[in-house]
Amino acid sequence: MTSASGAYSGRPLRLPAPPTIENMSALAQACSHSVRANTGHDLPFTLASARDVDAFLGEIRDQEGGSDYLAELVFKFGAYLGELLVRHAGGRWVEPPTEIGGWPGIELPDGTFADPIGKAFKRVDNGSEDAVQSFVDVAVDLARPAPKRRWFGRSR
């Protein structure tokens, strides 16, 4: 990931399910359940909840100094962000392009590849400059169809 102190080391993750495209929705749901169990706060898979995810990831950064110690939780937050793009931007979970490698990501309707898991790790390792709210906002905007232009004829 990054060279910041405490950044994810690449150690094997102990997740409740293997990180495959078939399991990403379940891992996102596990994130929502973990947050509810530990904080009493709901993550209802709304676009507004991306702000809450950003705050939780910021707290991990503040408390742990990086993503390594809580890498499993950071990964699940990334899965949650990806699931927001599935539900609200028409995305689908896919394997990453060969040149990128890594974990599953989201393919948006226009073919753009988004890496919500990588973004979650960057948020924790780099700080607020890698805010996830703007990541979600941009992906949703990319998925919206372009507005139709209305041309008005001139009177002669």
Foldseek 3Di string as FASTA:
>chain_A
DDPFPAAAPPPDDDEPDPQDLVCLVVLLVVLQVVCCVPPVDGQPLDLVCLVVLLVVLQVCCVVRVACHVVVRNLQSSLSNLQVSCVVQQVWGWDADPPVVHDGIFIQGPVRDTDRSSVLSRCCSNVHPVSRVSVVSVVSNVVSDDDDDDDDDDDDD
